[in-house]
Amino acid sequence: MRYKSTQQLIDTHNLLLENEDPIEMIEKYFNNISHIHVSENNLLPISNLEFHKKFSKKLKSVEYNGIITYELLPCDNLEYQIKKFKKIYN
């Protein structure tokens, strides 16, 4: 990259909306990624467990140690959803 302080953000929701594979993006741009937003369509609670487990496994395999945030709209079971996110991504 031209600017050493410039990094990329991966947003699973936006990538999936654009028919891009977030796992492929991790493989391709790993060295430039410093922040990841994890979310479902419409910022609803995690429902696609298979995808999130694969994505988390990929992050662990490349030893990603940047920030991972969970984008989620307020919901009735917010505390449970945060625990579920942490269980998958920790």
Protein backbone atom coordinates (compact mmCIF):
# COMPACT_ATOMS: atom_id res chain seq x y z
CA MET A 1 0.00 0.00 0.00
CA ARG A 2 1.10 3.54 -0.61
CA TYR A 3 0.27 4.80 2.90
CA LYS A 4 1.65 2.73 5.74
CA SER A 5 -1.03 3.90 8.17
CA THR A 6 -3.90 2.99 5.82
CA GLN A 7 -5.67 -0.25 6.65
CA GLN A 8 -8.80 -2.03 5.47
CA LEU A 9 -12.02 -2.87 7.21
CA ILE A 10 -13.91 -6.07 6.37
CA ASP A 11 -17.68 -5.88 6.81
CA THR A 12 -19.35 -9.28 6.40
CA HIS A 13 -22.81 -7.80 5.86
CA ASN A 14 -21.72 -5.50 3.03
CA LEU A 15 -19.56 -8.13 1.37
CA LEU A 16 -22.39 -10.64 1.35
CA LEU A 17 -24.77 -8.00 -0.06
CA GLU A 18 -22.29 -7.52 -2.91
CA ASN A 19 -22.03 -11.29 -3.46
CA GLU A 20 -18.44 -11.32 -2.23
CA ASP A 21 -17.00 -14.04 -0.02
CA PRO A 22 -15.67 -12.61 3.28
CA ILE A 23 -13.40 -15.64 3.74
CA GLU A 24 -11.86 -15.03 0.33
CA MET A 25 -11.34 -11.37 1.24
CA ILE A 26 -9.49 -12.40 4.42
CA GLU A 27 -7.22 -14.64 2.34
CA LYS A 28 -6.61 -11.93 -0.25
CA TYR A 29 -6.16 -8.85 1.97
CA PHE A 30 -5.13 -10.28 5.34
CA ASN A 31 -1.99 -8.13 5.67
CA ASN A 32 -4.00 -4.91 5.31
CA ILE A 33 -7.00 -5.69 7.54
CA SER A 34 -7.12 -4.17 11.01
CA HIS A 35 -10.84 -4.14 11.77
CA ILE A 36 -13.74 -6.50 11.06
CA HIS A 37 -17.47 -5.86 11.38
CA VAL A 38 -19.48 -9.06 11.79
CA SER A 39 -23.21 -8.94 11.15
CA GLU A 40 -26.17 -10.61 9.49
CA ASN A 41 -28.51 -9.18 6.88
CA ASN A 42 -30.47 -6.23 8.24
CA LEU A 43 -28.23 -6.32 11.34
CA LEU A 44 -30.33 -9.05 12.90
CA PRO A 45 -28.93 -11.57 15.42
CA ILE A 46 -26.53 -14.21 14.13
CA SER A 47 -28.52 -16.94 12.42
CA ASN A 48 -26.11 -18.40 9.86
CA LEU A 49 -23.99 -20.33 12.35
CA GLU A 50 -22.24 -22.36 9.66
CA PHE A 51 -20.88 -19.20 7.98
CA HIS A 52 -19.80 -17.59 11.25
CA LYS A 53 -18.01 -20.72 12.43
CA LYS A 54 -16.14 -20.96 9.11
CA PHE A 55 -15.30 -17.25 9.16
CA SER A 56 -14.07 -17.45 12.76
CA LYS A 57 -11.99 -20.51 11.92
CA LYS A 58 -10.38 -18.63 9.02
CA LEU A 59 -9.53 -15.68 11.27
CA LYS A 60 -7.92 -18.02 13.78
CA SER A 61 -5.98 -19.87 11.06
CA VAL A 62 -4.37 -16.63 9.84
CA GLU A 63 -3.82 -15.53 13.46
CA TYR A 64 -5.87 -12.36 13.04
CA ASN A 65 -5.49 -10.25 16.19
CA GLY A 66 -7.23 -7.03 15.19
CA ILE A 67 -10.59 -5.70 16.29
CA ILE A 68 -13.80 -7.65 15.63
CA THR A 69 -17.06 -5.85 16.31
CA TYR A 70 -20.59 -7.25 16.24
CA GLU A 71 -23.06 -4.99 14.45
CA LEU A 72 -26.51 -5.72 15.78
CA LEU A 73 -29.72 -3.78 16.16
CA PRO A 74 -31.29 -3.74 19.62
CA CYS A 75 -33.26 -6.92 20.26
CA ASP A 76 -35.12 -8.61 23.11
CA ASN A 77 -32.31 -11.06 23.83
CA LEU A 78 -29.32 -8.78 23.29
CA GLU A 79 -27.26 -10.19 26.16
CA TYR A 80 -27.70 -13.74 24.85
CA GLN A 81 -26.75 -12.65 21.32
CA ILE A 82 -23.55 -11.01 22.55
CA LYS A 83 -22.62 -14.19 24.44
CA LYS A 84 -23.26 -16.23 21.29
CA PHE A 85 -21.04 -13.87 19.26
CA LYS A 86 -18.24 -14.12 21.83
CA LYS A 87 -18.48 -17.91 21.90
CA ILE A 88 -18.03 -18.05 18.12
CA TYR A 89 -15.33 -15.39 17.77
CA ASN A 90 -13.23 -15.77 20.94
